[in-house]
Amino acid sequence: MNFCIKVFDQRKRGIALLLAAALLAGVWITPTPARAADEDCGGLSVTADDAGDFSYDDGTNTLTITGTGKVAIKNNDALPITSTKIIVAVGAGETAQITLDGVHIDVSSEENGCAFLVESGALELLLQGDNTLKSGSTRAGLEVNAKNIASLTIDSAAASGSDAGSLTACSNGDGAGIGGGSGDDGSNITISGGTVEAYSSYDSMSHGAGIGGGAGGNGSYITISGGEVKAYSGNDGISNGAGIGGGARGNGSYITISGGKVEAFSSAQLPGNANGAGIGGGDRGNGSFIEITGGKVKAYSINIGQANGAGIGGGKGGDGSDIIISGGEVEAFSGNSSGSGAGIGGGDNNEGSNITISGGVVKAYSCYS
């Protein structure tokens, strides 16, 4: 088994000798950390500063980031799409910073394949160019391990809040686009900039949220303050996850939007059922503590057959409560020809409560013909 590990022994030895000579001469020199030369790790070209420790295991085809420095990753020109997986594993209270610049990872043919996993610690992910992360059916496209209280912040590499730089992250059905894998929660996710498309999609049935929980998982502490975001659970049959919030049978809570352009929906393209909310609960899940203070937001549960989730609030069989809108432009609806959920409030046969609208421009409706 071969390992590609970033080492600076020779360079550090040279710096140590230079410092020793300088001290003898009575001169203090502050060394500037140099960046490592690009290293090819399974089709990914990796550059890092001194603190950006990483290793590559070609036995498992995995690039692991363990340092808190700056790391830049791009695809090798000779391999535009790779199956090399990325794992971020830094300590609790530590933050890694990674720039993705034209990275395209596809492990969707592997049931348990995860393109990118934030296993522990915090990750600041900066987007440059176009990037795609495609995972297998049980994993999120960009997975954040809520059990380890891992966290993720996404922004543009060009300027914070800008929509420059894009990321498409998707699961093949039971994981979220961004958030939890099958059976797992998705939480502590912040999008400050960039153009982000996140979805859970499969031919017959989708159970994960676009951003939030995987099948059976909750989605919580999700914040969007800038950029452009499109998040959905959708396929050609039945859609059970929320656009942003809970996966199938999962709740969506503590979701805050203060800026940017956001489109979130649960949608089935062929006659079937859309059972998740646009923002809130998945099928049988509640949506609560949702606040919109700014931005342009479109949230809906829609399909050719029956739409059962609320635009904002509960999924089918779920309540919508503690929803506050104080600014921005908001359009929320259930259905195009047949909607059983509220525009804002409860899903099919369920209740909406503690809903406050104090500002902004709001359009909410349930459409049934």
Protein backbone atom coordinates (compact mmCIF):
# COMPACT_ATOMS: atom_id res chain seq x y z
CA MET A 1 0.00 0.00 0.00
CA ASN A 2 1.40 3.35 -1.03
CA PHE A 3 0.90 6.62 0.79
CA CYS A 4 1.32 10.14 -0.53
CA ILE A 5 2.13 12.27 2.53
CA LYS A 6 3.14 15.92 2.55
CA VAL A 7 6.50 16.33 4.26
CA PHE A 8 8.74 19.35 4.67
CA ASP A 9 11.73 17.75 6.43
CA GLN A 10 14.45 19.03 4.07
CA ARG A 11 12.97 22.54 3.81
CA LYS A 12 12.45 22.75 7.59
CA ARG A 13 16.06 21.60 8.17
CA GLY A 14 17.24 24.40 5.88
CA ILE A 15 15.15 26.97 7.74
CA ALA A 16 16.51 25.72 11.08
CA LEU A 17 20.13 26.16 9.89
CA LEU A 18 19.32 29.66 8.58
CA LEU A 19 17.75 30.65 11.91
CA ALA A 20 20.75 29.31 13.84
CA ALA A 21 23.14 31.36 11.71
CA ALA A 22 20.97 34.45 12.08
CA LEU A 23 20.84 34.10 15.86
CA LEU A 24 24.63 33.84 16.04
CA ALA A 25 24.82 37.07 14.04
CA GLY A 26 22.31 38.74 16.38
CA VAL A 27 19.60 38.95 13.73
CA TRP A 28 16.06 37.60 14.10
CA ILE A 29 14.34 36.37 10.95
CA THR A 30 10.65 35.44 10.79
CA PRO A 31 10.29 32.65 8.21
CA THR A 32 7.37 32.82 5.76
CA PRO A 33 5.70 29.43 5.33
CA ALA A 34 6.15 28.24 1.77
CA ARG A 35 3.51 26.24 -0.07
CA ALA A 36 4.21 22.69 -1.07
CA ALA A 37 4.48 21.85 -4.75
CA ASP A 38 1.37 20.29 -6.29
CA GLU A 39 1.08 16.64 -5.38
CA ASP A 40 -1.00 14.19 -7.37
CA CYS A 41 -3.24 12.21 -5.04
CA GLY A 42 -5.47 9.87 -7.01
CA GLY A 43 -6.19 12.36 -9.76
CA LEU A 44 -6.49 15.31 -7.39
CA SER A 45 -3.78 17.96 -7.41
CA VAL A 46 -3.19 19.19 -3.84
CA THR A 47 -1.28 22.24 -2.61
CA ALA A 48 -0.97 23.23 1.07
CA ASP A 49 0.88 25.54 3.42
CA ASP A 50 2.82 24.32 6.46
CA ALA A 51 -0.25 23.74 8.62
CA GLY A 52 -2.28 22.12 5.86
CA ASP A 53 -1.34 18.52 6.60
CA PHE A 54 -2.79 15.84 4.35
CA SER A 55 -2.19 12.25 3.29
CA TYR A 56 -3.37 10.01 0.49
CA ASP A 57 -3.99 6.28 0.75
CA ASP A 58 -4.21 4.65 -2.67
CA GLY A 59 -5.46 1.43 -1.09
CA THR A 60 -8.74 3.09 -0.13
CA ASN A 61 -8.44 5.88 -2.72
CA THR A 62 -8.89 8.49 0.03
CA LEU A 63 -7.38 11.93 0.56
CA THR A 64 -7.46 12.90 4.25
CA ILE A 65 -7.01 16.47 5.50
CA THR A 66 -5.85 16.66 9.12
CA GLY A 67 -4.25 20.10 9.35
CA THR A 68 -5.67 23.55 10.04
CA GLY A 69 -3.78 25.36 7.29
CA LYS A 70 -4.87 26.32 3.80
CA VAL A 71 -5.32 23.53 1.28
CA ALA A 72 -6.17 23.95 -2.41
CA ILE A 73 -7.54 21.02 -4.40
CA LYS A 74 -8.22 20.73 -8.11
CA ASN A 75 -8.62 17.88 -10.57
CA ASN A 76 -5.57 16.67 -12.44
CA ASP A 77 -5.84 17.86 -16.04
CA ALA A 78 -5.43 14.29 -17.27
CA LEU A 79 -8.32 13.03 -15.10
CA PRO A 80 -11.31 15.42 -15.25
CA ILE A 81 -13.50 13.13 -13.09
CA THR A 82 -12.07 11.09 -10.23
CA SER A 83 -13.32 8.53 -7.71
CA THR A 84 -10.89 9.72 -5.04
CA LYS A 85 -12.79 10.51 -1.82
CA ILE A 86 -11.98 13.40 0.53
CA ILE A 87 -12.18 13.25 4.34
CA VAL A 88 -11.64 16.20 6.69
CA ALA A 89 -10.66 15.08 10.19
CA VAL A 90 -9.37 17.91 12.38
CA GLY A 91 -9.68 18.19 16.13
CA ALA A 92 -12.64 19.55 18.05
CA GLY A 93 -12.42 23.33 18.06
CA GLU A 94 -10.11 23.35 15.05
CA THR A 95 -10.91 24.59 11.53
CA ALA A 96 -9.57 23.41 8.20
CA GLN A 97 -9.73 25.67 5.14
CA ILE A 98 -10.06 24.07 1.72
CA THR A 99 -10.48 25.69 -1.67
CA LEU A 100 -12.10 23.50 -4.32
CA ASP A 101 -11.13 24.66 -7.80
CA GLY A 102 -12.64 22.55 -10.55
CA VAL A 103 -12.98 19.35 -8.50
CA HIS A 104 -15.26 16.61 -9.87
CA ILE A 105 -15.69 13.47 -7.75
CA ASP A 106 -18.15 10.72 -8.68
CA VAL A 107 -18.58 7.65 -6.45
CA SER A 108 -22.33 7.35 -7.08
CA SER A 109 -21.95 3.77 -8.31
CA GLU A 110 -20.74 2.75 -4.83
CA GLU A 111 -23.70 2.28 -2.45
CA ASN A 112 -21.66 3.46 0.53
CA GLY A 113 -19.35 5.75 -1.39
CA CYS A 114 -19.05 9.27 0.05
CA ALA A 115 -17.42 11.87 -2.19
CA PHE A 116 -16.60 14.32 0.62
CA LEU A 117 -16.94 13.78 4.38
CA VAL A 118 -16.43 16.31 7.17
CA GLU A 119 -15.74 13.71 9.83
CA SER A 120 -14.75 16.02 12.70
CA GLY A 121 -13.96 19.62 13.52
CA ALA A 122 -14.97 22.55 11.35
CA LEU A 123 -14.44 23.14 7.65
CA GLU A 124 -14.40 26.42 5.79
CA LEU A 125 -14.97 25.43 2.16
CA LEU A 126 -14.21 28.04 -0.49
CA LEU A 127 -15.51 27.61 -4.04
CA GLN A 128 -13.63 28.52 -7.17
CA GLY A 129 -14.68 27.39 -10.64
CA ASP A 130 -17.27 24.60 -11.01
CA ASN A 131 -17.22 21.61 -8.65
CA THR A 132 -19.31 18.43 -8.32
CA LEU A 133 -19.58 15.83 -5.55
CA LYS A 134 -21.68 12.72 -6.27
CA SER A 135 -22.14 10.02 -3.62
CA GLY A 136 -23.82 6.63 -3.41
CA SER A 137 -27.37 6.01 -2.21
CA THR A 138 -26.65 5.81 1.53
CA ARG A 139 -24.34 8.81 1.82
CA ALA A 140 -24.63 12.57 1.41
CA GLY A 141 -22.90 14.24 -1.52
CA LEU A 142 -21.11 16.49 0.99
CA GLU A 143 -21.58 14.77 4.33
CA VAL A 144 -21.24 16.51 7.71
CA ASN A 145 -20.95 14.14 10.67
CA ALA A 146 -23.50 15.51 13.15
CA LYS A 147 -22.63 12.79 15.69
CA ASN A 148 -19.17 14.33 16.02
CA ILE A 149 -20.61 17.88 16.03
CA ALA A 150 -18.73 18.59 12.81
CA SER A 151 -19.60 21.84 11.05
CA LEU A 152 -19.40 23.25 7.54
CA THR A 153 -19.27 26.80 6.14
CA ILE A 154 -19.40 27.34 2.37
CA ASP A 155 -18.39 30.61 0.72
CA SER A 156 -17.03 32.00 -2.52
CA ALA A 157 -13.25 32.11 -2.91
CA ALA A 158 -13.60 35.37 -4.85
CA ALA A 159 -15.33 37.41 -2.13
CA SER A 160 -17.47 36.53 0.86
CA GLY A 161 -21.15 36.61 -0.06
CA SER A 162 -20.47 36.55 -3.79
CA ASP A 163 -22.14 33.90 -5.96
CA ALA A 164 -18.84 33.25 -7.81
CA GLY A 165 -17.68 29.62 -7.67
CA SER A 166 -20.14 26.74 -7.77
CA LEU A 167 -20.78 23.40 -6.11
CA THR A 168 -23.22 20.65 -7.05
CA ALA A 169 -23.55 17.99 -4.33
CA CYS A 170 -25.90 15.03 -4.64
CA SER A 171 -26.84 11.69 -3.14
CA ASN A 172 -28.32 8.79 -5.06
CA GLY A 173 -31.46 8.72 -2.90
CA ASP A 174 -31.21 8.15 0.88
CA GLY A 175 -28.55 10.67 1.81
CA ALA A 176 -28.91 14.44 1.68
CA GLY A 177 -27.24 16.50 -1.01
CA ILE A 178 -25.41 18.31 1.80
CA GLY A 179 -25.79 17.06 5.40
CA GLY A 180 -26.53 13.61 6.74
CA GLY A 181 -26.23 10.17 5.22
CA SER A 182 -29.03 7.60 5.47
CA GLY A 183 -30.33 7.53 9.06
CA ASP A 184 -28.25 10.55 10.08
CA ASP A 185 -29.03 14.15 10.99
CA GLY A 186 -27.64 17.07 9.03
CA SER A 187 -26.78 20.11 11.12
CA ASN A 188 -24.34 22.98 11.64
CA ILE A 189 -24.34 23.96 7.96
CA THR A 190 -23.77 27.57 6.85
CA ILE A 191 -23.78 28.93 3.31
CA SER A 192 -22.37 32.45 3.09
CA GLY A 193 -21.63 32.62 -0.63
CA GLY A 194 -21.03 30.74 -3.85
CA THR A 195 -23.59 29.06 -6.11
CA VAL A 196 -24.73 25.82 -4.49
CA GLU A 197 -27.03 23.11 -5.83
CA ALA A 198 -27.73 20.25 -3.42
CA TYR A 199 -30.14 17.40 -3.99
CA SER A 200 -31.19 13.88 -3.13
CA SER A 201 -32.53 12.10 -6.17
CA TYR A 202 -33.24 8.61 -7.44
CA ASP A 203 -35.40 7.19 -10.22
CA SER A 204 -38.26 5.84 -8.11
CA MET A 205 -38.01 7.44 -4.65
CA SER A 206 -35.95 10.09 -2.82
CA HIS A 207 -35.71 10.07 0.98
CA GLY A 208 -32.97 12.58 1.79
CA ALA A 209 -33.26 16.36 2.01
CA GLY A 210 -31.51 18.65 -0.41
CA ILE A 211 -29.73 20.26 2.55
CA GLY A 212 -30.27 18.68 5.99
CA GLY A 213 -31.09 15.17 7.11
CA GLY A 214 -30.72 11.90 5.29
CA ALA A 215 -33.57 9.36 5.29
CA GLY A 216 -34.86 9.27 8.89
CA GLY A 217 -32.65 12.20 9.88
CA ASN A 218 -33.41 15.68 11.13
CA GLY A 219 -32.06 18.88 9.58
CA SER A 220 -31.21 21.70 11.97
CA TYR A 221 -29.03 24.76 12.53
CA ILE A 222 -28.87 25.54 8.82
CA THR A 223 -28.02 29.14 7.95
CA ILE A 224 -27.95 30.89 4.58
CA SER A 225 -26.73 34.49 4.39
CA GLY A 226 -25.51 34.94 0.81
CA GLY A 227 -24.83 33.41 -2.56
CA GLU A 228 -27.32 31.44 -4.61
CA VAL A 229 -28.76 28.16 -3.29
CA LYS A 230 -30.96 25.54 -4.94
CA ALA A 231 -31.84 22.59 -2.68
CA TYR A 232 -34.31 19.82 -3.39
CA SER A 233 -35.45 16.28 -2.80
CA GLY A 234 -36.81 15.03 -6.08
CA ASN A 235 -37.14 12.24 -8.61
CA ASP A 236 -39.55 10.70 -11.08
CA GLY A 237 -41.77 9.04 -8.47
CA ILE A 238 -42.08 9.91 -4.77
CA SER A 239 -40.17 12.63 -2.95
CA ASN A 240 -40.06 12.29 0.84
CA GLY A 241 -37.36 14.73 1.91
CA ALA A 242 -37.57 18.49 2.36
CA GLY A 243 -35.71 20.88 0.11
CA ILE A 244 -34.03 22.27 3.23
CA GLY A 245 -34.66 20.51 6.56
CA GLY A 246 -35.57 16.95 7.41
CA GLY A 247 -35.21 13.78 5.40
CA ALA A 248 -38.11 11.31 5.25
CA ARG A 249 -39.66 11.13 8.75
CA GLY A 250 -37.25 13.83 9.90
CA ASN A 251 -37.91 17.27 11.36
CA GLY A 252 -36.51 20.55 10.07
CA SER A 253 -35.73 23.22 12.67
CA TYR A 254 -33.58 26.24 13.44
CA ILE A 255 -33.30 27.20 9.79
CA THR A 256 -32.34 30.84 9.19
CA ILE A 257 -32.15 32.77 5.91
CA SER A 258 -30.88 36.34 6.02
CA GLY A 259 -29.66 36.92 2.47
CA GLY A 260 -28.89 35.46 -0.91
CA LYS A 261 -31.22 33.79 -3.38
CA VAL A 262 -32.76 30.51 -2.19
CA GLU A 263 -34.97 27.99 -4.00
CA ALA A 264 -35.95 24.94 -1.94
CA PHE A 265 -38.47 22.27 -2.90
CA SER A 266 -39.72 18.71 -2.62
CA SER A 267 -40.79 17.61 -6.07
CA ALA A 268 -41.80 14.51 -8.03
CA GLN A 269 -41.62 15.00 -11.78
CA LEU A 270 -44.00 12.17 -12.76
CA PRO A 271 -47.41 11.41 -11.19
CA GLY A 272 -46.65 10.50 -7.61
CA ASN A 273 -46.38 12.31 -4.27
CA ALA A 274 -44.22 15.18 -3.04
CA ASN A 275 -44.36 14.63 0.71
CA GLY A 276 -41.65 16.94 2.06
CA ALA A 277 -41.87 20.67 2.70
CA GLY A 278 -39.90 23.14 0.65
CA ILE A 279 -38.30 24.34 3.90
CA GLY A 280 -39.07 22.38 7.09
CA GLY A 281 -40.02 18.77 7.69
CA GLY A 282 -39.71 15.74 5.47
CA ASP A 283 -42.55 13.23 5.12
CA ARG A 284 -44.14 12.87 8.63
CA GLY A 285 -41.75 15.54 9.89
CA ASN A 286 -42.42 18.87 11.59
CA GLY A 287 -40.99 22.22 10.55
CA SER A 288 -40.26 24.69 13.34
CA PHE A 289 -38.12 27.65 14.38
CA ILE A 290 -37.71 28.83 10.79
CA GLU A 291 -36.77 32.49 10.36
CA ILE A 292 -36.41 34.59 7.21
CA THR A 293 -35.06 38.13 7.65
CA GLY A 294 -33.81 38.86 4.14
CA GLY A 295 -32.93 37.50 0.74
CA LYS A 296 -35.14 36.15 -2.02
CA VAL A 297 -36.77 32.85 -1.05
CA LYS A 298 -38.96 30.47 -3.05
CA ALA A 299 -40.06 27.34 -1.16
CA TYR A 300 -42.55 24.76 -2.37
CA SER A 301 -43.85 21.20 -2.40
CA ILE A 302 -44.93 20.41 -5.92
CA ASN A 303 -45.48 17.64 -8.48
CA ILE A 304 -47.71 16.43 -11.27
CA GLY A 305 -49.72 14.26 -8.86
CA GLN A 306 -50.25 15.18 -5.19
CA ALA A 307 -48.25 17.75 -3.20
CA ASN A 308 -48.62 17.01 0.52
CA GLY A 309 -45.98 19.15 2.18
CA ALA A 310 -46.15 22.84 3.06
CA GLY A 311 -44.10 25.39 1.21
CA ILE A 312 -42.60 26.39 4.57
CA GLY A 313 -43.43 24.27 7.62
CA GLY A 314 -44.44 20.64 7.98
CA GLY A 315 -44.11 17.78 5.56
CA LYS A 316 -47.03 15.41 4.95
CA GLY A 317 -48.40 14.57 8.42
CA GLY A 318 -46.23 17.22 10.06
CA ASP A 319 -46.96 20.51 11.82
CA GLY A 320 -45.46 23.88 11.00
CA SER A 321 -44.78 26.20 13.95
CA ASP A 322 -42.67 29.07 15.23
CA ILE A 323 -42.12 30.53 11.76
CA ILE A 324 -41.02 34.17 11.55
CA ILE A 325 -40.72 36.32 8.42
CA SER A 326 -39.52 39.88 8.97
CA GLY A 327 -37.86 40.75 5.66
CA GLY A 328 -36.93 39.68 2.17
CA GLU A 329 -39.08 38.43 -0.69
CA VAL A 330 -40.82 35.14 0.07
CA GLU A 331 -42.99 32.89 -2.09
CA ALA A 332 -44.21 29.68 -0.45
CA PHE A 333 -46.75 27.23 -1.85
CA SER A 334 -47.99 23.65 -1.97
CA GLY A 335 -49.04 22.11 -5.29
CA ASN A 336 -49.46 23.23 -8.84
CA SER A 337 -52.71 21.41 -9.65
CA SER A 338 -53.23 19.50 -6.40
CA GLY A 339 -51.82 20.79 -3.11
CA SER A 340 -52.82 19.49 0.32
CA GLY A 341 -50.28 21.38 2.42
CA ALA A 342 -50.32 25.02 3.48
CA GLY A 343 -48.25 27.67 1.80
CA ILE A 344 -46.86 28.42 5.25
CA GLY A 345 -47.84 26.13 8.14
CA GLY A 346 -48.78 22.47 8.35
CA GLY A 347 -48.51 19.68 5.84
CA ASP A 348 -51.46 17.55 4.70
CA ASN A 349 -53.98 17.12 7.59
CA ASN A 350 -51.77 18.91 10.08
CA GLU A 351 -51.58 22.23 11.86
CA GLY A 352 -49.76 25.53 11.57
CA SER A 353 -49.17 27.69 14.66
CA ASN A 354 -47.13 30.62 15.96
CA ILE A 355 -46.56 32.10 12.51
CA THR A 356 -45.47 35.75 12.48
CA ILE A 357 -45.08 37.96 9.41
CA SER A 358 -43.90 41.46 10.29
CA GLY A 359 -42.08 42.59 7.16
CA GLY A 360 -40.90 41.76 3.71
CA VAL A 361 -42.99 40.82 0.67
CA VAL A 362 -44.75 37.49 1.22
CA LYS A 363 -46.88 35.38 -1.13
CA ALA A 364 -48.21 32.09 0.27
CA TYR A 365 -50.82 29.75 -1.15
CA SER A 366 -52.05 26.17 -1.54
CA CYS A 367 -53.11 25.34 -5.07
CA TYR A 368 -55.80 22.78 -5.83
CA SER A 369 -57.79 22.54 -9.06
